[in-house]
Amino acid sequence: MRCFVAVELDRTFRRHLLAVLEQLPRGRGVRWCGAHQLHVTLKFLGDVPDHQLPGICDAVSAAARQIEPFAVTLGRLGCFPNERNPRVLWCGIDDPEQGCARWLAAADPLFGRLGLATDSRPLHPHITLGRSRSGEGSRLMQRALADVPGPPAATMPVEQVVLFQSDLSPRGARYTPQFTAPLGEA
């Protein structure tokens, strides 16, 4: 099963991001995300064997218990890897309490004990809005960065993390929640 751990977005965040998505330039070479694809990835696990799922759920839950609920705010639009050749357009997440990074710091050693890869780079929470697959797509993303205002500042409480299954198809990825772990519940 291909999976990842993420923060689901509340209705307000989703509404603001959908308004941004409606303003983005259309054309070939970019696949913009749909409402059901918007989330804040905390940890991409990749393909994991089914027999590891109970251990992964235990690790997700154990890390979640160590982190009290926190709040995040919608940030500015940005891109990866750079503005000259954008391949991913995203909306940043301001996380003043570092809740996302603290969850990852608690979870990574647990995932490591399961034989899963750990992260050496710092977490930069964001919500992916689209992916480019061509020069034309990169130009559309450059236009979006120049012309489309980011979402209004909105704050969302984060009270749980979710393990999602990711199924890829020609029409885009479909994410299905598999396990939810509340934050701070011992």
N, C-alpha and C. Protein backbone atom coordinates (compact mmCIF):
# COMPACT_ATOMS: atom_id res chain seq x y z
N MET A 1 0.85 -1.17 0.00
CA MET A 1 0.00 0.00 0.00
C MET A 1 0.90 1.24 0.00
N ARG A 2 0.64 2.17 -0.88
CA ARG A 2 1.35 3.44 -0.93
C ARG A 2 0.66 4.37 0.06
N CYS A 3 1.42 4.94 1.00
CA CYS A 3 0.75 5.74 2.02
C CYS A 3 1.58 6.91 2.53
N PHE A 4 0.91 7.79 3.25
CA PHE A 4 1.53 8.96 3.84
C PHE A 4 0.70 9.39 5.04
N VAL A 5 1.31 10.19 5.91
CA VAL A 5 0.61 10.74 7.08
C VAL A 5 0.44 12.23 6.83
N ALA A 6 -0.75 12.75 7.13
CA ALA A 6 -1.04 14.15 6.82
C ALA A 6 -2.02 14.76 7.81
N VAL A 7 -2.14 16.06 7.70
CA VAL A 7 -3.17 16.82 8.40
C VAL A 7 -4.27 17.10 7.39
N GLU A 8 -5.49 16.70 7.72
CA GLU A 8 -6.63 17.04 6.87
C GLU A 8 -6.98 18.50 7.07
N LEU A 9 -7.53 19.12 6.03
CA LEU A 9 -7.89 20.52 6.10
C LEU A 9 -9.34 20.69 6.52
N ASP A 10 -9.59 21.76 7.27
CA ASP A 10 -10.98 22.04 7.64
C ASP A 10 -11.69 22.75 6.48
N ARG A 11 -12.96 22.98 6.64
CA ARG A 11 -13.79 23.55 5.58
C ARG A 11 -13.30 24.95 5.17
N THR A 12 -12.89 25.76 6.14
CA THR A 12 -12.45 27.12 5.83
C THR A 12 -11.17 27.10 5.00
N PHE A 13 -10.18 26.33 5.41
CA PHE A 13 -8.94 26.23 4.63
C PHE A 13 -9.25 25.75 3.21
N ARG A 14 -10.06 24.72 3.12
CA ARG A 14 -10.38 24.13 1.82
C ARG A 14 -11.07 25.18 0.92
N ARG A 15 -12.02 25.92 1.49
CA ARG A 15 -12.75 26.94 0.72
C ARG A 15 -11.79 28.02 0.20
N HIS A 16 -10.89 28.51 1.06
CA HIS A 16 -9.92 29.52 0.63
C HIS A 16 -9.00 28.99 -0.47
N LEU A 17 -8.56 27.77 -0.34
CA LEU A 17 -7.65 27.20 -1.34
C LEU A 17 -8.37 26.92 -2.66
N LEU A 18 -9.63 26.53 -2.58
CA LEU A 18 -10.39 26.32 -3.82
C LEU A 18 -10.57 27.64 -4.56
N ALA A 19 -10.74 28.75 -3.81
CA ALA A 19 -10.85 30.06 -4.45
C ALA A 19 -9.54 30.41 -5.16
N VAL A 20 -8.41 30.07 -4.57
CA VAL A 20 -7.11 30.29 -5.22
C VAL A 20 -7.01 29.41 -6.47
N LEU A 21 -7.37 28.15 -6.34
CA LEU A 21 -7.29 27.22 -7.48
C LEU A 21 -8.13 27.70 -8.65
N GLU A 22 -9.27 28.32 -8.39
CA GLU A 22 -10.13 28.82 -9.47
C GLU A 22 -9.46 29.95 -10.25
N GLN A 23 -8.52 30.67 -9.63
CA GLN A 23 -7.84 31.79 -10.28
C GLN A 23 -6.60 31.37 -11.06
N LEU A 24 -6.16 30.15 -10.90
CA LEU A 24 -4.91 29.72 -11.53
C LEU A 24 -5.09 29.56 -13.03
N PRO A 25 -4.08 29.93 -13.80
CA PRO A 25 -4.19 29.82 -15.26
C PRO A 25 -4.30 28.36 -15.70
N ARG A 26 -5.11 28.12 -16.68
CA ARG A 26 -5.32 26.77 -17.19
C ARG A 26 -4.49 26.56 -18.45
N GLY A 27 -4.12 25.33 -18.68
CA GLY A 27 -3.37 24.97 -19.87
C GLY A 27 -2.79 23.59 -19.70
N ARG A 28 -2.21 23.10 -20.78
CA ARG A 28 -1.59 21.79 -20.72
C ARG A 28 -0.32 21.85 -19.89
N GLY A 29 0.06 20.74 -19.36
CA GLY A 29 1.33 20.66 -18.66
C GLY A 29 1.25 20.85 -17.17
N VAL A 30 0.06 21.21 -16.64
CA VAL A 30 -0.11 21.35 -15.19
C VAL A 30 -1.32 20.53 -14.78
N ARG A 31 -1.15 19.80 -13.71
CA ARG A 31 -2.29 19.11 -13.11
C ARG A 31 -2.56 19.81 -11.78
N TRP A 32 -3.65 20.59 -11.74
CA TRP A 32 -4.05 21.25 -10.50
C TRP A 32 -4.78 20.26 -9.62
N CYS A 33 -4.64 20.41 -8.33
CA CYS A 33 -5.26 19.49 -7.37
C CYS A 33 -6.75 19.78 -7.24
N GLY A 34 -7.50 18.75 -6.92
CA GLY A 34 -8.91 18.90 -6.62
C GLY A 34 -9.10 19.03 -5.11
N ALA A 35 -10.29 19.38 -4.71
CA ALA A 35 -10.60 19.60 -3.28
C ALA A 35 -10.22 18.39 -2.43
N HIS A 36 -10.46 17.19 -2.94
CA HIS A 36 -10.20 15.97 -2.18
C HIS A 36 -8.71 15.64 -2.04
N GLN A 37 -7.86 16.37 -2.78
CA GLN A 37 -6.42 16.10 -2.74
C GLN A 37 -5.65 17.07 -1.85
N LEU A 38 -6.31 18.05 -1.27
CA LEU A 38 -5.63 19.08 -0.49
C LEU A 38 -5.40 18.61 0.94
N HIS A 39 -4.15 18.68 1.39
CA HIS A 39 -3.76 18.25 2.74
C HIS A 39 -2.35 18.75 3.02
N VAL A 40 -1.91 18.62 4.25
CA VAL A 40 -0.53 18.95 4.64
C VAL A 40 0.18 17.63 4.93
N THR A 41 1.08 17.23 4.06
CA THR A 41 1.82 15.98 4.26
C THR A 41 2.85 16.17 5.37
N LEU A 42 2.82 15.26 6.34
CA LEU A 42 3.80 15.26 7.41
C LEU A 42 4.92 14.25 7.13
N LYS A 43 4.54 13.11 6.53
CA LYS A 43 5.52 12.05 6.27
C LYS A 43 5.02 11.18 5.12
N PHE A 44 5.81 11.11 4.05
CA PHE A 44 5.50 10.19 2.96
C PHE A 44 6.20 8.87 3.26
N LEU A 45 5.44 7.81 3.31
CA LEU A 45 5.99 6.49 3.64
C LEU A 45 6.26 5.65 2.41
N GLY A 46 5.61 5.95 1.31
CA GLY A 46 5.80 5.18 0.09
C GLY A 46 5.07 3.85 0.16
N ASP A 47 5.55 2.88 -0.61
CA ASP A 47 4.92 1.56 -0.65
C ASP A 47 5.36 0.76 0.57
N VAL A 48 4.39 0.34 1.35
CA VAL A 48 4.69 -0.47 2.54
C VAL A 48 3.89 -1.77 2.46
N PRO A 49 4.48 -2.86 2.92
CA PRO A 49 3.74 -4.14 2.91
C PRO A 49 2.59 -4.10 3.91
N ASP A 50 1.53 -4.79 3.58
CA ASP A 50 0.33 -4.82 4.44
C ASP A 50 0.65 -5.26 5.86
N HIS A 51 1.60 -6.19 6.03
CA HIS A 51 1.89 -6.69 7.37
C HIS A 51 2.51 -5.61 8.27
N GLN A 52 3.00 -4.50 7.68
CA GLN A 52 3.58 -3.42 8.47
C GLN A 52 2.55 -2.39 8.94
N LEU A 53 1.34 -2.46 8.41
CA LEU A 53 0.35 -1.44 8.73
C LEU A 53 0.03 -1.34 10.22
N PRO A 54 -0.12 -2.43 10.96
CA PRO A 54 -0.38 -2.28 12.39
C PRO A 54 0.75 -1.54 13.11
N GLY A 55 1.99 -1.83 12.78
CA GLY A 55 3.12 -1.14 13.38
C GLY A 55 3.16 0.34 13.00
N ILE A 56 2.82 0.63 11.75
CA ILE A 56 2.77 2.02 11.29
C ILE A 56 1.68 2.78 12.04
N CYS A 57 0.52 2.18 12.17
CA CYS A 57 -0.58 2.82 12.93
C CYS A 57 -0.16 3.06 14.38
N ASP A 58 0.52 2.10 14.98
CA ASP A 58 1.02 2.28 16.35
C ASP A 58 1.99 3.45 16.42
N ALA A 59 2.88 3.57 15.45
CA ALA A 59 3.86 4.65 15.44
C ALA A 59 3.17 6.01 15.26
N VAL A 60 2.21 6.07 14.34
CA VAL A 60 1.46 7.31 14.11
C VAL A 60 0.77 7.74 15.40
N SER A 61 0.14 6.78 16.06
CA SER A 61 -0.59 7.06 17.30
C SER A 61 0.34 7.46 18.44
N ALA A 62 1.45 6.74 18.61
CA ALA A 62 2.40 7.04 19.68
C ALA A 62 2.98 8.45 19.52
N ALA A 63 3.31 8.83 18.30
CA ALA A 63 3.83 10.18 18.06
C ALA A 63 2.74 11.22 18.32
N ALA A 64 1.52 10.94 17.91
CA ALA A 64 0.42 11.89 18.10
C ALA A 64 0.15 12.14 19.58
N ARG A 65 0.27 11.11 20.39
CA ARG A 65 0.03 11.28 21.83
C ARG A 65 1.03 12.23 22.48
N GLN A 66 2.21 12.36 21.88
CA GLN A 66 3.26 13.21 22.44
C GLN A 66 3.08 14.70 22.10
N ILE A 67 2.19 15.00 21.16
CA ILE A 67 2.02 16.38 20.68
C ILE A 67 0.62 16.87 21.03
N GLU A 68 0.56 17.98 21.75
CA GLU A 68 -0.73 18.59 22.06
C GLU A 68 -1.29 19.25 20.80
N PRO A 69 -2.61 19.38 20.70
CA PRO A 69 -3.18 20.09 19.56
C PRO A 69 -2.54 21.47 19.39
N PHE A 70 -2.47 21.93 18.16
CA PHE A 70 -1.84 23.21 17.84
C PHE A 70 -2.61 23.85 16.70
N ALA A 71 -2.23 25.06 16.33
CA ALA A 71 -2.92 25.77 15.25
C ALA A 71 -1.93 26.11 14.14
N VAL A 72 -2.43 26.10 12.90
CA VAL A 72 -1.64 26.51 11.74
C VAL A 72 -2.43 27.57 10.97
N THR A 73 -1.70 28.35 10.17
CA THR A 73 -2.29 29.44 9.39
C THR A 73 -1.88 29.30 7.94
N LEU A 74 -2.80 29.63 7.04
CA LEU A 74 -2.46 29.64 5.62
C LEU A 74 -1.42 30.71 5.36
N GLY A 75 -0.43 30.39 4.52
CA GLY A 75 0.65 31.32 4.20
C GLY A 75 0.60 31.76 2.75
N ARG A 76 1.76 32.07 2.23
CA ARG A 76 1.89 32.58 0.86
C ARG A 76 2.02 31.44 -0.14
N LEU A 77 1.87 31.78 -1.41
CA LEU A 77 2.11 30.82 -2.48
C LEU A 77 3.61 30.73 -2.75
N GLY A 78 4.06 29.55 -3.10
CA GLY A 78 5.46 29.34 -3.43
C GLY A 78 5.59 28.15 -4.36
N CYS A 79 6.83 27.77 -4.65
CA CYS A 79 7.03 26.66 -5.59
C CYS A 79 8.30 25.91 -5.26
N PHE A 80 8.39 24.70 -5.79
CA PHE A 80 9.59 23.88 -5.75
C PHE A 80 9.99 23.60 -7.18
N PRO A 81 11.22 23.46 -7.57
CA PRO A 81 12.39 23.70 -6.76
C PRO A 81 12.76 25.17 -6.67
N ASN A 82 12.36 25.98 -7.73
CA ASN A 82 12.66 27.41 -7.71
C ASN A 82 11.72 28.13 -8.67
N GLU A 83 11.72 29.46 -8.62
CA GLU A 83 10.78 30.24 -9.43
C GLU A 83 11.15 30.26 -10.91
N ARG A 84 12.40 29.97 -11.26
CA ARG A 84 12.79 29.92 -12.67
C ARG A 84 12.26 28.67 -13.36
N ASN A 85 12.11 27.58 -12.60
CA ASN A 85 11.66 26.32 -13.18
C ASN A 85 10.73 25.62 -12.20
N PRO A 86 9.57 26.22 -11.91
CA PRO A 86 8.68 25.61 -10.92
C PRO A 86 8.09 24.29 -11.42
N ARG A 87 8.08 23.31 -10.56
CA ARG A 87 7.47 22.01 -10.85
C ARG A 87 6.29 21.73 -9.93
N VAL A 88 6.29 22.36 -8.76
CA VAL A 88 5.20 22.20 -7.80
C VAL A 88 4.82 23.59 -7.29
N LEU A 89 3.54 23.92 -7.37
CA LEU A 89 3.03 25.15 -6.79
C LEU A 89 2.34 24.79 -5.49
N TRP A 90 2.64 25.54 -4.43
CA TRP A 90 2.11 25.20 -3.12
C TRP A 90 1.67 26.45 -2.37
N CYS A 91 0.88 26.22 -1.34
CA CYS A 91 0.52 27.26 -0.37
C CYS A 91 1.22 26.88 0.93
N GLY A 92 2.01 27.81 1.44
CA GLY A 92 2.73 27.54 2.67
C GLY A 92 1.82 27.48 3.89
N ILE A 93 2.30 26.82 4.90
CA ILE A 93 1.60 26.72 6.18
C ILE A 93 2.49 27.34 7.25
N ASP A 94 1.97 28.35 7.92
CA ASP A 94 2.68 28.94 9.05
C ASP A 94 2.31 28.12 10.28
N ASP A 95 3.31 27.61 10.95
CA ASP A 95 3.14 26.71 12.10
C ASP A 95 4.00 27.24 13.25
N PRO A 96 3.53 28.32 13.91
CA PRO A 96 4.37 28.98 14.92
C PRO A 96 4.76 28.08 16.09
N GLU A 97 3.95 27.09 16.39
CA GLU A 97 4.28 26.19 17.51
C GLU A 97 5.12 24.99 17.05
N GLN A 98 5.42 24.94 15.74
CA GLN A 98 6.21 23.84 15.17
C GLN A 98 5.57 22.48 15.44
N GLY A 99 4.24 22.45 15.49
CA GLY A 99 3.53 21.19 15.76
C GLY A 99 3.78 20.13 14.71
N CYS A 100 3.81 20.53 13.44
CA CYS A 100 4.05 19.55 12.37
C CYS A 100 5.45 18.95 12.50
N ALA A 101 6.44 19.80 12.71
CA ALA A 101 7.82 19.33 12.84
C ALA A 101 8.00 18.51 14.11
N ARG A 102 7.32 18.89 15.19
CA ARG A 102 7.43 18.12 16.43
C ARG A 102 6.81 16.74 16.27
N TRP A 103 5.69 16.64 15.53
CA TRP A 103 5.10 15.32 15.29
C TRP A 103 6.09 14.46 14.50
N LEU A 104 6.69 15.04 13.45
CA LEU A 104 7.64 14.28 12.64
C LEU A 104 8.85 13.84 13.47
N ALA A 105 9.34 14.73 14.32
CA ALA A 105 10.50 14.39 15.17
C ALA A 105 10.16 13.24 16.12
N ALA A 106 8.92 13.19 16.58
CA ALA A 106 8.50 12.08 17.45
C ALA A 106 8.28 10.80 16.66
N ALA A 107 7.78 10.93 15.42
CA ALA A 107 7.42 9.75 14.61
C ALA A 107 8.60 9.11 13.91
N ASP A 108 9.55 9.92 13.43
CA ASP A 108 10.62 9.39 12.60
C ASP A 108 11.41 8.25 13.26
N PRO A 109 11.81 8.37 14.55
CA PRO A 109 12.54 7.24 15.15
C PRO A 109 11.68 5.97 15.22
N LEU A 110 10.38 6.15 15.42
CA LEU A 110 9.47 4.99 15.47
C LEU A 110 9.38 4.33 14.09
N PHE A 111 9.30 5.15 13.04
CA PHE A 111 9.29 4.61 11.69
C PHE A 111 10.62 3.94 11.36
N GLY A 112 11.72 4.54 11.83
CA GLY A 112 13.05 3.96 11.61
C GLY A 112 13.15 2.56 12.19
N ARG A 113 12.56 2.35 13.38
CA ARG A 113 12.59 1.01 14.00
C ARG A 113 11.81 -0.01 13.18
N LEU A 114 10.88 0.50 12.34
CA LEU A 114 10.12 -0.40 11.47
C LEU A 114 10.83 -0.64 10.14
N GLY A 115 12.00 -0.03 9.98
CA GLY A 115 12.76 -0.20 8.74
C GLY A 115 12.37 0.79 7.67
N LEU A 116 11.60 1.82 8.01
CA LEU A 116 11.18 2.82 7.04
C LEU A 116 12.19 3.96 7.04
N ALA A 117 12.29 4.64 5.92
CA ALA A 117 13.25 5.75 5.79
C ALA A 117 12.87 6.89 6.73
N THR A 118 13.90 7.53 7.28
CA THR A 118 13.69 8.71 8.12
C THR A 118 14.06 9.95 7.31
N ASP A 119 13.60 11.10 7.77
CA ASP A 119 13.84 12.35 7.05
C ASP A 119 15.05 13.06 7.62
N SER A 120 15.96 13.46 6.74
CA SER A 120 17.12 14.22 7.19
C SER A 120 16.92 15.72 6.96
N ARG A 121 15.98 16.07 6.11
CA ARG A 121 15.71 17.48 5.82
C ARG A 121 14.63 18.01 6.76
N PRO A 122 14.69 19.30 7.09
CA PRO A 122 13.64 19.86 7.94
C PRO A 122 12.31 19.89 7.19
N LEU A 123 11.23 19.77 7.93
CA LEU A 123 9.89 19.80 7.35
C LEU A 123 9.49 21.24 7.08
N HIS A 124 8.99 21.51 5.89
CA HIS A 124 8.43 22.81 5.52
C HIS A 124 6.97 22.57 5.15
N PRO A 125 6.07 22.71 6.13
CA PRO A 125 4.67 22.38 5.87
C PRO A 125 4.08 23.22 4.74
N HIS A 126 3.37 22.56 3.85
CA HIS A 126 2.74 23.23 2.72
C HIS A 126 1.60 22.36 2.20
N ILE A 127 0.80 22.96 1.35
CA ILE A 127 -0.30 22.26 0.68
C ILE A 127 -0.02 22.34 -0.81
N THR A 128 0.17 21.21 -1.45
CA THR A 128 0.43 21.19 -2.89
C THR A 128 -0.85 21.57 -3.63
N LEU A 129 -0.72 22.55 -4.55
CA LEU A 129 -1.86 22.98 -5.36
C LEU A 129 -1.79 22.43 -6.78
N GLY A 130 -0.60 22.16 -7.27
CA GLY A 130 -0.48 21.64 -8.62
C GLY A 130 0.92 21.18 -8.92
N ARG A 131 1.03 20.37 -9.98
CA ARG A 131 2.33 19.85 -10.42
C ARG A 131 2.46 20.09 -11.93
N SER A 132 3.68 20.50 -12.32
CA SER A 132 3.98 20.75 -13.72
C SER A 132 4.74 19.56 -14.29
N ARG A 133 4.46 19.27 -15.54
CA ARG A 133 5.17 18.19 -16.21
C ARG A 133 5.85 18.64 -17.49
N SER A 134 5.92 19.98 -17.68
CA SER A 134 6.50 20.46 -18.93
C SER A 134 6.94 21.91 -18.77
N GLY A 135 7.64 22.41 -19.78
CA GLY A 135 8.03 23.81 -19.80
C GLY A 135 6.81 24.72 -19.81
N GLU A 136 5.77 24.32 -20.57
CA GLU A 136 4.54 25.11 -20.61
C GLU A 136 3.91 25.16 -19.22
N GLY A 137 3.92 24.03 -18.52
CA GLY A 137 3.37 24.01 -17.17
C GLY A 137 4.15 24.90 -16.23
N SER A 138 5.48 24.90 -16.36
CA SER A 138 6.31 25.77 -15.53
C SER A 138 5.99 27.24 -15.80
N ARG A 139 5.76 27.59 -17.07
CA ARG A 139 5.42 28.99 -17.40
C ARG A 139 4.07 29.37 -16.79
N LEU A 140 3.11 28.44 -16.80
CA LEU A 140 1.82 28.72 -16.17
C LEU A 140 1.98 28.94 -14.67
N MET A 141 2.84 28.16 -14.06
CA MET A 141 3.08 28.34 -12.62
C MET A 141 3.78 29.66 -12.34
N GLN A 142 4.70 30.07 -13.20
CA GLN A 142 5.35 31.37 -13.04
C GLN A 142 4.31 32.49 -13.11
N ARG A 143 3.39 32.35 -14.05
CA ARG A 143 2.31 33.34 -14.18
C ARG A 143 1.44 33.36 -12.93
N ALA A 144 1.14 32.18 -12.41
CA ALA A 144 0.32 32.10 -11.19
C ALA A 144 1.02 32.79 -10.02
N LEU A 145 2.32 32.55 -9.87
CA LEU A 145 3.06 33.18 -8.77
C LEU A 145 3.07 34.70 -8.90
N ALA A 146 3.10 35.20 -10.14
CA ALA A 146 3.14 36.65 -10.37
C ALA A 146 1.77 37.30 -10.24
N ASP A 147 0.72 36.58 -10.65
CA ASP A 147 -0.59 37.22 -10.81
C ASP A 147 -1.65 36.85 -9.78
N VAL A 148 -1.51 35.70 -9.15
CA VAL A 148 -2.59 35.21 -8.27
C VAL A 148 -2.24 35.51 -6.82
N PRO A 149 -3.10 36.25 -6.14
CA PRO A 149 -2.83 36.49 -4.72
C PRO A 149 -3.02 35.20 -3.93
N GLY A 150 -2.29 35.09 -2.86
CA GLY A 150 -2.45 33.93 -1.99
C GLY A 150 -3.78 34.00 -1.25
N PRO A 151 -4.07 32.99 -0.49
CA PRO A 151 -5.33 32.97 0.25
C PRO A 151 -5.28 33.98 1.41
N PRO A 152 -6.45 34.35 1.92
CA PRO A 152 -6.46 35.21 3.11
C PRO A 152 -5.92 34.43 4.30
N ALA A 153 -5.39 35.15 5.26
CA ALA A 153 -4.89 34.50 6.47
C ALA A 153 -6.08 33.85 7.17
N ALA A 154 -5.96 32.58 7.41
CA ALA A 154 -6.99 31.83 8.14
C ALA A 154 -6.26 30.85 9.04
N THR A 155 -6.81 30.62 10.21
CA THR A 155 -6.18 29.71 11.17
C THR A 155 -7.05 28.49 11.37
N MET A 156 -6.39 27.35 11.52
CA MET A 156 -7.09 26.08 11.68
C MET A 156 -6.48 25.32 12.85
N PRO A 157 -7.32 24.77 13.74
CA PRO A 157 -6.78 23.91 14.78
C PRO A 157 -6.41 22.55 14.20
N VAL A 158 -5.30 22.00 14.66
CA VAL A 158 -4.90 20.65 14.26
C VAL A 158 -5.05 19.78 15.50
N GLU A 159 -5.98 18.84 15.43
CA GLU A 159 -6.29 17.99 16.58
C GLU A 159 -6.02 16.52 16.33
N GLN A 160 -5.66 16.18 15.08
CA GLN A 160 -5.40 14.78 14.74
C GLN A 160 -4.53 14.70 13.49
N VAL A 161 -3.93 13.55 13.28
CA VAL A 161 -3.20 13.25 12.05
C VAL A 161 -3.82 11.99 11.45
N VAL A 162 -3.68 11.85 10.14
CA VAL A 162 -4.35 10.77 9.43
C VAL A 162 -3.35 10.02 8.55
N LEU A 163 -3.41 8.70 8.60
CA LEU A 163 -2.67 7.85 7.68
C LEU A 163 -3.56 7.63 6.46
N PHE A 164 -3.06 8.04 5.29
CA PHE A 164 -3.81 7.92 4.05
C PHE A 164 -3.20 6.86 3.15
N GLN A 165 -4.04 6.16 2.43
CA GLN A 165 -3.61 5.32 1.31
C GLN A 165 -3.68 6.19 0.07
N SER A 166 -2.69 6.10 -0.79
CA SER A 166 -2.62 6.88 -2.01
C SER A 166 -2.69 5.93 -3.20
N ASP A 167 -3.71 6.10 -4.02
CA ASP A 167 -3.86 5.30 -5.24
C ASP A 167 -3.69 6.22 -6.44
N LEU A 168 -2.71 5.91 -7.27
CA LEU A 168 -2.44 6.73 -8.45
C LEU A 168 -3.23 6.21 -9.64
N SER A 169 -3.71 7.16 -10.46
CA SER A 169 -4.42 6.80 -11.68
C SER A 169 -4.17 7.89 -12.71
N PRO A 170 -4.51 7.65 -13.97
CA PRO A 170 -4.32 8.68 -14.99
C PRO A 170 -5.11 9.96 -14.70
N ARG A 171 -6.18 9.87 -13.91
CA ARG A 171 -6.98 11.05 -13.58
C ARG A 171 -6.51 11.74 -12.30
N GLY A 172 -5.40 11.27 -11.76
CA GLY A 172 -4.87 11.88 -10.55
C GLY A 172 -4.93 10.94 -9.37
N ALA A 173 -4.30 11.36 -8.29
CA ALA A 173 -4.24 10.51 -7.09
C ALA A 173 -5.55 10.57 -6.32
N ARG A 174 -5.87 9.44 -5.70
CA ARG A 174 -7.03 9.37 -4.81
C ARG A 174 -6.51 8.97 -3.44
N TYR A 175 -6.90 9.73 -2.42
CA TYR A 175 -6.43 9.50 -1.06
C TYR A 175 -7.58 8.99 -0.20
N THR A 176 -7.32 7.88 0.48
CA THR A 176 -8.33 7.25 1.32
C THR A 176 -7.81 7.15 2.75
N PRO A 177 -8.51 7.77 3.71
CA PRO A 177 -8.06 7.66 5.11
C PRO A 177 -8.09 6.20 5.57
N GLN A 178 -7.02 5.78 6.25
CA GLN A 178 -6.92 4.42 6.76
C GLN A 178 -6.92 4.37 8.29
N PHE A 179 -6.41 5.45 8.92
CA PHE A 179 -6.27 5.46 10.37
C PHE A 179 -6.14 6.90 10.82
N THR A 180 -6.82 7.25 11.92
CA THR A 180 -6.77 8.59 12.48
C THR A 180 -6.26 8.51 13.92
N ALA A 181 -5.32 9.40 14.25
CA ALA A 181 -4.75 9.43 15.60
C ALA A 181 -4.94 10.82 16.20
N PRO A 182 -5.69 10.94 17.29
CA PRO A 182 -5.86 12.24 17.94
C PRO A 182 -4.56 12.69 18.60
N LEU A 183 -4.33 13.98 18.62
CA LEU A 183 -3.15 14.54 19.25
C LEU A 183 -3.35 14.66 20.77
N GLY A 184 -2.29 14.41 21.51
CA GLY A 184 -2.26 14.68 22.93
C GLY A 184 -3.09 13.80 23.82
N GLU A 185 -3.61 12.72 23.30
CA GLU A 185 -4.43 11.84 24.14
C GLU A 185 -3.61 10.66 24.61
N ALA A 186 -3.27 10.67 25.87
CA ALA A 186 -2.44 9.59 26.44
C ALA A 186 -3.22 8.32 26.65
